[in-house]
mmCIF file of all heavy atoms, coordinates in Angstrom:
data_MODEL
# 
_entry.id   MODEL 
# 
loop_
_atom_site.group_PDB 
_atom_site.id 
_atom_site.type_symbol 
_atom_site.label_atom_id 
_atom_site.label_alt_id 
_atom_site.label_comp_id 
_atom_site.label_asym_id 
_atom_site.label_entity_id 
_atom_site.label_seq_id 
_atom_site.pdbx_PDB_ins_code 
_atom_site.Cartn_x 
_atom_site.Cartn_y 
_atom_site.Cartn_z 
_atom_site.occupancy 
_atom_site.B_iso_or_equiv 
_atom_site.pdbx_formal_charge 
_atom_site.auth_seq_id 
_atom_site.auth_comp_id 
_atom_site.auth_asym_id 
_atom_site.auth_atom_id 
_atom_site.pdbx_PDB_model_num 
ATOM 1   N N   . SER A 1 1  ? 94.935  99.411  104.299 1.00 0.00 ? 1  SER A N   1 
ATOM 2   C CA  . SER A 1 1  ? 94.604  98.784  103.125 1.00 0.00 ? 1  SER A CA  1 
ATOM 3   C C   . SER A 1 1  ? 93.361  97.854  103.309 1.00 0.00 ? 1  SER A C   1 
ATOM 4   O O   . SER A 1 1  ? 93.035  97.483  104.344 1.00 0.00 ? 1  SER A O   1 
ATOM 5   C CB  . SER A 1 1  ? 95.757  97.935  102.554 1.00 0.00 ? 1  SER A CB  1 
ATOM 6   O OG  . SER A 1 1  ? 96.118  96.759  103.455 1.00 0.00 ? 1  SER A OG  1 
ATOM 7   N N   . ILE A 1 2  ? 92.700  97.476  102.127 1.00 0.00 ? 2  ILE A N   1 
ATOM 8   C CA  . ILE A 1 2  ? 91.461  96.721  102.222 1.00 0.00 ? 2  ILE A CA  1 
ATOM 9   C C   . ILE A 1 2  ? 91.455  95.820  100.950 1.00 0.00 ? 2  ILE A C   1 
ATOM 10  O O   . ILE A 1 2  ? 91.841  96.291  99.921  1.00 0.00 ? 2  ILE A O   1 
ATOM 11  C CB  . ILE A 1 2  ? 90.259  97.609  102.285 1.00 0.00 ? 2  ILE A CB  1 
ATOM 12  C CG1 . ILE A 1 2  ? 88.970  96.841  102.549 1.00 0.00 ? 2  ILE A CG1 1 
ATOM 13  C CG2 . ILE A 1 2  ? 90.093  98.542  101.026 1.00 0.00 ? 2  ILE A CG2 1 
ATOM 14  C CD1 . ILE A 1 2  ? 87.791  97.645  102.898 1.00 0.00 ? 2  ILE A CD1 1 
ATOM 15  N N   . SER A 1 3  ? 90.975  94.606  101.153 1.00 0.00 ? 3  SER A N   1 
ATOM 16  C CA  . SER A 1 3  ? 90.947  93.634  100.043 1.00 0.00 ? 3  SER A CA  1 
ATOM 17  C C   . SER A 1 3  ? 89.778  93.938  99.118  1.00 0.00 ? 3  SER A C   1 
ATOM 18  O O   . SER A 1 3  ? 88.930  94.735  99.315  1.00 0.00 ? 3  SER A O   1 
ATOM 19  C CB  . SER A 1 3  ? 90.811  92.155  100.644 1.00 0.00 ? 3  SER A CB  1 
ATOM 20  O OG  . SER A 1 3  ? 89.640  92.119  101.330 1.00 0.00 ? 3  SER A OG  1 
ATOM 21  N N   . TRP A 1 4  ? 89.696  93.174  97.982  1.00 0.00 ? 4  TRP A N   1 
ATOM 22  C CA  . TRP A 1 4  ? 88.753  93.285  96.939  1.00 0.00 ? 4  TRP A CA  1 
ATOM 23  C C   . TRP A 1 4  ? 87.329  93.365  97.428  1.00 0.00 ? 4  TRP A C   1 
ATOM 24  O O   . TRP A 1 4  ? 86.570  94.359  97.000  1.00 0.00 ? 4  TRP A O   1 
ATOM 25  C CB  . TRP A 1 4  ? 88.849  92.268  95.921  1.00 0.00 ? 4  TRP A CB  1 
ATOM 26  C CG  . TRP A 1 4  ? 90.122  92.121  95.081  1.00 0.00 ? 4  TRP A CG  1 
ATOM 27  C CD1 . TRP A 1 4  ? 91.122  93.065  95.098  1.00 0.00 ? 4  TRP A CD1 1 
ATOM 28  C CD2 . TRP A 1 4  ? 90.418  91.194  94.137  1.00 0.00 ? 4  TRP A CD2 1 
ATOM 29  N NE1 . TRP A 1 4  ? 92.046  92.721  94.170  1.00 0.00 ? 4  TRP A NE1 1 
ATOM 30  C CE2 . TRP A 1 4  ? 91.658  91.547  93.548  1.00 0.00 ? 4  TRP A CE2 1 
ATOM 31  C CE3 . TRP A 1 4  ? 89.811  89.973  93.685  1.00 0.00 ? 4  TRP A CE3 1 
ATOM 32  C CZ2 . TRP A 1 4  ? 92.288  90.740  92.554  1.00 0.00 ? 4  TRP A CZ2 1 
ATOM 33  C CZ3 . TRP A 1 4  ? 90.447  89.223  92.700  1.00 0.00 ? 4  TRP A CZ3 1 
ATOM 34  C CH2 . TRP A 1 4  ? 91.691  89.607  92.142  1.00 0.00 ? 4  TRP A CH2 1 
ATOM 35  N N   . GLY A 1 5  ? 86.961  92.462  98.254  1.00 0.00 ? 5  GLY A N   1 
ATOM 36  C CA  . GLY A 1 5  ? 85.639  92.309  98.773  1.00 0.00 ? 5  GLY A CA  1 
ATOM 37  C C   . GLY A 1 5  ? 85.381  93.162  100.057 1.00 0.00 ? 5  GLY A C   1 
ATOM 38  O O   . GLY A 1 5  ? 84.252  93.210  100.439 1.00 0.00 ? 5  GLY A O   1 
ATOM 39  N N   . GLY A 1 6  ? 86.432  93.660  100.694 1.00 0.00 ? 6  GLY A N   1 
ATOM 40  C CA  . GLY A 1 6  ? 86.285  94.529  101.870 1.00 0.00 ? 6  GLY A CA  1 
ATOM 41  C C   . GLY A 1 6  ? 86.396  93.643  103.084 1.00 0.00 ? 6  GLY A C   1 
ATOM 42  O O   . GLY A 1 6  ? 86.227  94.258  104.249 1.00 0.00 ? 6  GLY A O   1 
ATOM 43  N N   . SER A 1 7  ? 86.543  92.346  103.047 1.00 0.00 ? 7  SER A N   1 
ATOM 44  C CA  . SER A 1 7  ? 86.543  91.547  104.194 1.00 0.00 ? 7  SER A CA  1 
ATOM 45  C C   . SER A 1 7  ? 87.768  91.485  105.005 1.00 0.00 ? 7  SER A C   1 
ATOM 46  O O   . SER A 1 7  ? 87.815  91.304  106.205 1.00 0.00 ? 7  SER A O   1 
ATOM 47  C CB  . SER A 1 7  ? 86.156  89.996  103.859 1.00 0.00 ? 7  SER A CB  1 
ATOM 48  O OG  . SER A 1 7  ? 87.137  89.508  102.927 1.00 0.00 ? 7  SER A OG  1 
ATOM 49  N N   . ASN A 1 8  ? 88.853  91.870  104.362 1.00 0.00 ? 8  ASN A N   1 
ATOM 50  C CA  . ASN A 1 8  ? 90.235  91.895  105.047 1.00 0.00 ? 8  ASN A CA  1 
ATOM 51  C C   . ASN A 1 8  ? 90.768  93.328  105.080 1.00 0.00 ? 8  ASN A C   1 
ATOM 52  O O   . ASN A 1 8  ? 90.713  94.033  104.068 1.00 0.00 ? 8  ASN A O   1 
ATOM 53  C CB  . ASN A 1 8  ? 91.258  90.987  104.306 1.00 0.00 ? 8  ASN A CB  1 
ATOM 54  C CG  . ASN A 1 8  ? 90.853  89.591  104.421 1.00 0.00 ? 8  ASN A CG  1 
ATOM 55  O OD1 . ASN A 1 8  ? 90.355  89.110  105.401 1.00 0.00 ? 8  ASN A OD1 1 
ATOM 56  N ND2 . ASN A 1 8  ? 91.059  88.848  103.308 1.00 0.00 ? 8  ASN A ND2 1 
ATOM 57  N N   . THR A 1 9  ? 91.232  93.790  106.257 1.00 0.00 ? 9  THR A N   1 
ATOM 58  C CA  . THR A 1 9  ? 91.778  95.143  106.374 1.00 0.00 ? 9  THR A CA  1 
ATOM 59  C C   . THR A 1 9  ? 93.147  95.041  107.110 1.00 0.00 ? 9  THR A C   1 
ATOM 60  O O   . THR A 1 9  ? 93.335  94.016  107.946 1.00 0.00 ? 9  THR A O   1 
ATOM 61  C CB  . THR A 1 9  ? 90.886  96.086  107.045 1.00 0.00 ? 9  THR A CB  1 
ATOM 62  O OG1 . THR A 1 9  ? 90.531  95.511  108.399 1.00 0.00 ? 9  THR A OG1 1 
ATOM 63  C CG2 . THR A 1 9  ? 89.601  96.267  106.345 1.00 0.00 ? 9  THR A CG2 1 
ATOM 64  N N   . TYR A 1 10 ? 94.019  96.068  106.981 1.00 0.00 ? 10 TYR A N   1 
ATOM 65  C CA  . TYR A 1 10 ? 95.201  96.132  107.614 1.00 0.00 ? 10 TYR A CA  1 
ATOM 66  C C   . TYR A 1 10 ? 95.625  97.542  107.865 1.00 0.00 ? 10 TYR A C   1 
ATOM 67  O O   . TYR A 1 10 ? 95.482  98.397  106.999 1.00 0.00 ? 10 TYR A O   1 
ATOM 68  C CB  . TYR A 1 10 ? 96.321  95.396  106.798 1.00 0.00 ? 10 TYR A CB  1 
ATOM 69  C CG  . TYR A 1 10 ? 97.711  95.379  107.479 1.00 0.00 ? 10 TYR A CG  1 
ATOM 70  C CD1 . TYR A 1 10 ? 97.971  94.596  108.527 1.00 0.00 ? 10 TYR A CD1 1 
ATOM 71  C CD2 . TYR A 1 10 ? 98.717  96.297  107.050 1.00 0.00 ? 10 TYR A CD2 1 
ATOM 72  C CE1 . TYR A 1 10 ? 99.247  94.599  109.212 1.00 0.00 ? 10 TYR A CE1 1 
ATOM 73  C CE2 . TYR A 1 10 ? 99.988  96.230  107.551 1.00 0.00 ? 10 TYR A CE2 1 
ATOM 74  C CZ  . TYR A 1 10 ? 100.190 95.472  108.676 1.00 0.00 ? 10 TYR A CZ  1 
ATOM 75  O OH  . TYR A 1 10 ? 101.454 95.500  109.303 1.00 0.00 ? 10 TYR A OH  1 
ATOM 76  N N   . TYR A 1 11 ? 96.152  97.893  109.105 1.00 0.00 ? 11 TYR A N   1 
ATOM 77  C CA  . TYR A 1 11 ? 96.527  99.194  109.445 1.00 0.00 ? 11 TYR A CA  1 
ATOM 78  C C   . TYR A 1 11 ? 97.970  99.279  109.994 1.00 0.00 ? 11 TYR A C   1 
ATOM 79  O O   . TYR A 1 11 ? 98.414  98.356  110.624 1.00 0.00 ? 11 TYR A O   1 
ATOM 80  C CB  . TYR A 1 11 ? 95.603  99.736  110.537 1.00 0.00 ? 11 TYR A CB  1 
ATOM 81  C CG  . TYR A 1 11 ? 94.117  99.652  110.161 1.00 0.00 ? 11 TYR A CG  1 
ATOM 82  C CD1 . TYR A 1 11 ? 93.295  98.543  110.379 1.00 0.00 ? 11 TYR A CD1 1 
ATOM 83  C CD2 . TYR A 1 11 ? 93.403  100.822 109.619 1.00 0.00 ? 11 TYR A CD2 1 
ATOM 84  C CE1 . TYR A 1 11 ? 91.975  98.500  110.059 1.00 0.00 ? 11 TYR A CE1 1 
ATOM 85  C CE2 . TYR A 1 11 ? 92.220  100.789 109.250 1.00 0.00 ? 11 TYR A CE2 1 
ATOM 86  C CZ  . TYR A 1 11 ? 91.392  99.690  109.471 1.00 0.00 ? 11 TYR A CZ  1 
ATOM 87  O OH  . TYR A 1 11 ? 90.073  99.656  109.087 1.00 0.00 ? 11 TYR A OH  1 
ATOM 88  N N   . VAL A 1 12 ? 98.541  100.459 109.755 1.00 0.00 ? 12 VAL A N   1 
ATOM 89  C CA  . VAL A 1 12 ? 99.766  100.781 110.410 1.00 0.00 ? 12 VAL A CA  1 
ATOM 90  C C   . VAL A 1 12 ? 99.460  100.952 111.928 1.00 0.00 ? 12 VAL A C   1 
ATOM 91  O O   . VAL A 1 12 ? 98.416  101.350 112.287 1.00 0.00 ? 12 VAL A O   1 
ATOM 92  C CB  . VAL A 1 12 ? 100.454 101.967 109.761 1.00 0.00 ? 12 VAL A CB  1 
ATOM 93  C CG1 . VAL A 1 12 ? 99.693  103.293 110.101 1.00 0.00 ? 12 VAL A CG1 1 
ATOM 94  C CG2 . VAL A 1 12 ? 101.929 102.172 110.242 1.00 0.00 ? 12 VAL A CG2 1 
ATOM 95  N N   . ASP A 1 13 ? 100.390 100.491 112.794 1.00 0.00 ? 13 ASP A N   1 
ATOM 96  C CA  . ASP A 1 13 ? 100.182 100.601 114.247 1.00 0.00 ? 13 ASP A CA  1 
ATOM 97  C C   . ASP A 1 13 ? 99.780  101.854 114.718 1.00 0.00 ? 13 ASP A C   1 
ATOM 98  O O   . ASP A 1 13 ? 98.979  101.975 115.716 1.00 0.00 ? 13 ASP A O   1 
ATOM 99  C CB  . ASP A 1 13 ? 101.397 100.063 114.916 1.00 0.00 ? 13 ASP A CB  1 
ATOM 100 C CG  . ASP A 1 13 ? 101.651 98.558  114.867 1.00 0.00 ? 13 ASP A CG  1 
ATOM 101 O OD1 . ASP A 1 13 ? 100.662 97.854  114.484 1.00 0.00 ? 13 ASP A OD1 1 
ATOM 102 O OD2 . ASP A 1 13 ? 102.791 98.170  115.126 1.00 0.00 ? 13 ASP A OD2 1 
ATOM 103 N N   . SER A 1 14 ? 100.288 102.991 114.183 1.00 0.00 ? 14 SER A N   1 
ATOM 104 C CA  . SER A 1 14 ? 100.076 104.387 114.697 1.00 0.00 ? 14 SER A CA  1 
ATOM 105 C C   . SER A 1 14 ? 98.640  104.765 114.563 1.00 0.00 ? 14 SER A C   1 
ATOM 106 O O   . SER A 1 14 ? 98.134  105.692 115.279 1.00 0.00 ? 14 SER A O   1 
ATOM 107 C CB  . SER A 1 14 ? 100.969 105.286 113.995 1.00 0.00 ? 14 SER A CB  1 
ATOM 108 O OG  . SER A 1 14 ? 100.669 105.454 112.656 1.00 0.00 ? 14 SER A OG  1 
ATOM 109 N N   . VAL A 1 15 ? 97.779  104.096 113.641 1.00 0.00 ? 15 VAL A N   1 
ATOM 110 C CA  . VAL A 1 15 ? 96.430  104.611 113.440 1.00 0.00 ? 15 VAL A CA  1 
ATOM 111 C C   . VAL A 1 15 ? 95.441  103.461 113.848 1.00 0.00 ? 15 VAL A C   1 
ATOM 112 O O   . VAL A 1 15 ? 94.237  103.764 113.843 1.00 0.00 ? 15 VAL A O   1 
ATOM 113 C CB  . VAL A 1 15 ? 96.135  104.986 111.932 1.00 0.00 ? 15 VAL A CB  1 
ATOM 114 C CG1 . VAL A 1 15 ? 97.185  105.949 111.408 1.00 0.00 ? 15 VAL A CG1 1 
ATOM 115 C CG2 . VAL A 1 15 ? 96.150  103.760 111.095 1.00 0.00 ? 15 VAL A CG2 1 
ATOM 116 N N   . LYS A 1 16 ? 95.906  102.315 114.272 1.00 0.00 ? 16 LYS A N   1 
ATOM 117 C CA  . LYS A 1 16 ? 95.013  101.173 114.602 1.00 0.00 ? 16 LYS A CA  1 
ATOM 118 C C   . LYS A 1 16 ? 94.228  101.530 115.727 1.00 0.00 ? 16 LYS A C   1 
ATOM 119 O O   . LYS A 1 16 ? 94.548  102.103 116.809 1.00 0.00 ? 16 LYS A O   1 
ATOM 120 C CB  . LYS A 1 16 ? 95.938  99.902  114.913 1.00 0.00 ? 16 LYS A CB  1 
ATOM 121 C CG  . LYS A 1 16 ? 95.125  98.711  115.029 1.00 0.00 ? 16 LYS A CG  1 
ATOM 122 C CD  . LYS A 1 16 ? 96.114  97.478  115.135 1.00 0.00 ? 16 LYS A CD  1 
ATOM 123 C CE  . LYS A 1 16 ? 96.987  97.348  113.935 1.00 0.00 ? 16 LYS A CE  1 
ATOM 124 N NZ  . LYS A 1 16 ? 97.867  96.098  114.095 1.00 0.00 ? 16 LYS A NZ  1 
ATOM 125 N N   . GLY A 1 17 ? 92.906  101.369 115.594 1.00 0.00 ? 17 GLY A N   1 
ATOM 126 C CA  . GLY A 1 17 ? 91.920  101.636 116.674 1.00 0.00 ? 17 GLY A CA  1 
ATOM 127 C C   . GLY A 1 17 ? 91.296  103.018 116.451 1.00 0.00 ? 17 GLY A C   1 
ATOM 128 O O   . GLY A 1 17 ? 90.287  103.394 117.210 1.00 0.00 ? 17 GLY A O   1 
ATOM 129 N N   . ARG A 1 18 ? 91.927  103.868 115.650 1.00 0.00 ? 18 ARG A N   1 
ATOM 130 C CA  . ARG A 1 18 ? 91.484  105.252 115.424 1.00 0.00 ? 18 ARG A CA  1 
ATOM 131 C C   . ARG A 1 18 ? 90.950  105.420 113.964 1.00 0.00 ? 18 ARG A C   1 
ATOM 132 O O   . ARG A 1 18 ? 89.903  106.197 113.869 1.00 0.00 ? 18 ARG A O   1 
ATOM 133 C CB  . ARG A 1 18 ? 92.586  106.246 115.682 1.00 0.00 ? 18 ARG A CB  1 
ATOM 134 C CG  . ARG A 1 18 ? 93.136  106.208 117.013 1.00 0.00 ? 18 ARG A CG  1 
ATOM 135 C CD  . ARG A 1 18 ? 94.111  107.453 117.362 1.00 0.00 ? 18 ARG A CD  1 
ATOM 136 N NE  . ARG A 1 18 ? 95.274  107.323 116.374 1.00 0.00 ? 18 ARG A NE  1 
ATOM 137 C CZ  . ARG A 1 18 ? 95.568  108.301 115.490 1.00 0.00 ? 18 ARG A CZ  1 
ATOM 138 N NH1 . ARG A 1 18 ? 94.815  109.459 115.330 1.00 0.00 ? 18 ARG A NH1 1 
ATOM 139 N NH2 . ARG A 1 18 ? 96.676  108.208 114.694 1.00 0.00 ? 18 ARG A NH2 1 
ATOM 140 N N   . PHE A 1 19 ? 91.444  104.798 113.031 1.00 0.00 ? 19 PHE A N   1 
ATOM 141 C CA  . PHE A 1 19 ? 91.023  104.915 111.648 1.00 0.00 ? 19 PHE A CA  1 
ATOM 142 C C   . PHE A 1 19 ? 90.308  103.671 111.215 1.00 0.00 ? 19 PHE A C   1 
ATOM 143 O O   . PHE A 1 19 ? 90.640  102.544 111.655 1.00 0.00 ? 19 PHE A O   1 
ATOM 144 C CB  . PHE A 1 19 ? 92.344  105.086 110.773 1.00 0.00 ? 19 PHE A CB  1 
ATOM 145 C CG  . PHE A 1 19 ? 93.031  106.479 110.817 1.00 0.00 ? 19 PHE A CG  1 
ATOM 146 C CD1 . PHE A 1 19 ? 92.779  107.291 111.910 1.00 0.00 ? 19 PHE A CD1 1 
ATOM 147 C CD2 . PHE A 1 19 ? 93.974  106.783 109.883 1.00 0.00 ? 19 PHE A CD2 1 
ATOM 148 C CE1 . PHE A 1 19 ? 93.419  108.540 111.991 1.00 0.00 ? 19 PHE A CE1 1 
ATOM 149 C CE2 . PHE A 1 19 ? 94.595  108.070 109.963 1.00 0.00 ? 19 PHE A CE2 1 
ATOM 150 C CZ  . PHE A 1 19 ? 94.315  108.920 111.055 1.00 0.00 ? 19 PHE A CZ  1 
ATOM 151 N N   . THR A 1 20 ? 89.422  103.746 110.290 1.00 0.00 ? 20 THR A N   1 
ATOM 152 C CA  . THR A 1 20 ? 88.682  102.704 109.710 1.00 0.00 ? 20 THR A CA  1 
ATOM 153 C C   . THR A 1 20 ? 88.657  102.866 108.182 1.00 0.00 ? 20 THR A C   1 
ATOM 154 O O   . THR A 1 20 ? 88.189  103.823 107.692 1.00 0.00 ? 20 THR A O   1 
ATOM 155 C CB  . THR A 1 20 ? 87.276  102.508 110.208 1.00 0.00 ? 20 THR A CB  1 
ATOM 156 O OG1 . THR A 1 20 ? 87.307  102.497 111.652 1.00 0.00 ? 20 THR A OG1 1 
ATOM 157 C CG2 . THR A 1 20 ? 86.547  101.323 109.700 1.00 0.00 ? 20 THR A CG2 1 
ATOM 158 N N   . ILE A 1 21 ? 89.235  101.897 107.475 1.00 0.00 ? 21 ILE A N   1 
ATOM 159 C CA  . ILE A 1 21 ? 89.162  101.781 106.060 1.00 0.00 ? 21 ILE A CA  1 
ATOM 160 C C   . ILE A 1 21 ? 87.812  101.020 105.557 1.00 0.00 ? 21 ILE A C   1 
ATOM 161 O O   . ILE A 1 21 ? 87.684  100.034 106.219 1.00 0.00 ? 21 ILE A O   1 
ATOM 162 C CB  . ILE A 1 21 ? 90.459  101.309 105.370 1.00 0.00 ? 21 ILE A CB  1 
ATOM 163 C CG1 . ILE A 1 21 ? 90.387  101.449 103.843 1.00 0.00 ? 21 ILE A CG1 1 
ATOM 164 C CG2 . ILE A 1 21 ? 90.715  99.874  105.794 1.00 0.00 ? 21 ILE A CG2 1 
ATOM 165 C CD1 . ILE A 1 21 ? 91.750  101.130 103.284 1.00 0.00 ? 21 ILE A CD1 1 
ATOM 166 N N   . SER A 1 22 ? 87.216  101.401 104.594 1.00 0.00 ? 22 SER A N   1 
ATOM 167 C CA  . SER A 1 22 ? 86.000  100.721 104.079 1.00 0.00 ? 22 SER A CA  1 
ATOM 168 C C   . SER A 1 22 ? 85.846  101.048 102.591 1.00 0.00 ? 22 SER A C   1 
ATOM 169 O O   . SER A 1 22 ? 86.452  101.870 102.036 1.00 0.00 ? 22 SER A O   1 
ATOM 170 C CB  . SER A 1 22 ? 84.772  101.051 104.876 1.00 0.00 ? 22 SER A CB  1 
ATOM 171 O OG  . SER A 1 22 ? 84.484  102.465 104.705 1.00 0.00 ? 22 SER A OG  1 
ATOM 172 N N   . ARG A 1 23 ? 84.915  100.270 101.955 1.00 0.00 ? 23 ARG A N   1 
ATOM 173 C CA  . ARG A 1 23 ? 84.758  100.520 100.540 1.00 0.00 ? 23 ARG A CA  1 
ATOM 174 C C   . ARG A 1 23 ? 83.338  100.188 100.188 1.00 0.00 ? 23 ARG A C   1 
ATOM 175 O O   . ARG A 1 23 ? 82.704  99.216  100.809 1.00 0.00 ? 23 ARG A O   1 
ATOM 176 C CB  . ARG A 1 23 ? 85.677  99.723  99.635  1.00 0.00 ? 23 ARG A CB  1 
ATOM 177 C CG  . ARG A 1 23 ? 85.599  98.180  99.802  1.00 0.00 ? 23 ARG A CG  1 
ATOM 178 C CD  . ARG A 1 23 ? 86.760  97.473  99.007  1.00 0.00 ? 23 ARG A CD  1 
ATOM 179 N NE  . ARG A 1 23 ? 86.857  97.723  97.647  1.00 0.00 ? 23 ARG A NE  1 
ATOM 180 C CZ  . ARG A 1 23 ? 87.888  97.465  96.879  1.00 0.00 ? 23 ARG A CZ  1 
ATOM 181 N NH1 . ARG A 1 23 ? 88.982  96.956  97.501  1.00 0.00 ? 23 ARG A NH1 1 
ATOM 182 N NH2 . ARG A 1 23 ? 87.915  97.725  95.619  1.00 0.00 ? 23 ARG A NH2 1 
ATOM 183 N N   . ASP A 1 24 ? 82.789  100.897 99.200  1.00 0.00 ? 24 ASP A N   1 
ATOM 184 C CA  . ASP A 1 24 ? 81.533  100.619 98.739  1.00 0.00 ? 24 ASP A CA  1 
ATOM 185 C C   . ASP A 1 24 ? 81.657  100.322 97.273  1.00 0.00 ? 24 ASP A C   1 
ATOM 186 O O   . ASP A 1 24 ? 81.737  101.301 96.428  1.00 0.00 ? 24 ASP A O   1 
ATOM 187 C CB  . ASP A 1 24 ? 80.555  101.735 98.825  1.00 0.00 ? 24 ASP A CB  1 
ATOM 188 C CG  . ASP A 1 24 ? 79.088  101.477 98.594  1.00 0.00 ? 24 ASP A CG  1 
ATOM 189 O OD1 . ASP A 1 24 ? 78.774  100.559 97.755  1.00 0.00 ? 24 ASP A OD1 1 
ATOM 190 O OD2 . ASP A 1 24 ? 78.200  102.159 99.121  1.00 0.00 ? 24 ASP A OD2 1 
# 
């Protein structure tokens, strides 16, 4: 998940370090 402005992100442990969420 990612916050409105994109400054905060959160990942499930199984993908942490491998996946990156971002928004434009």
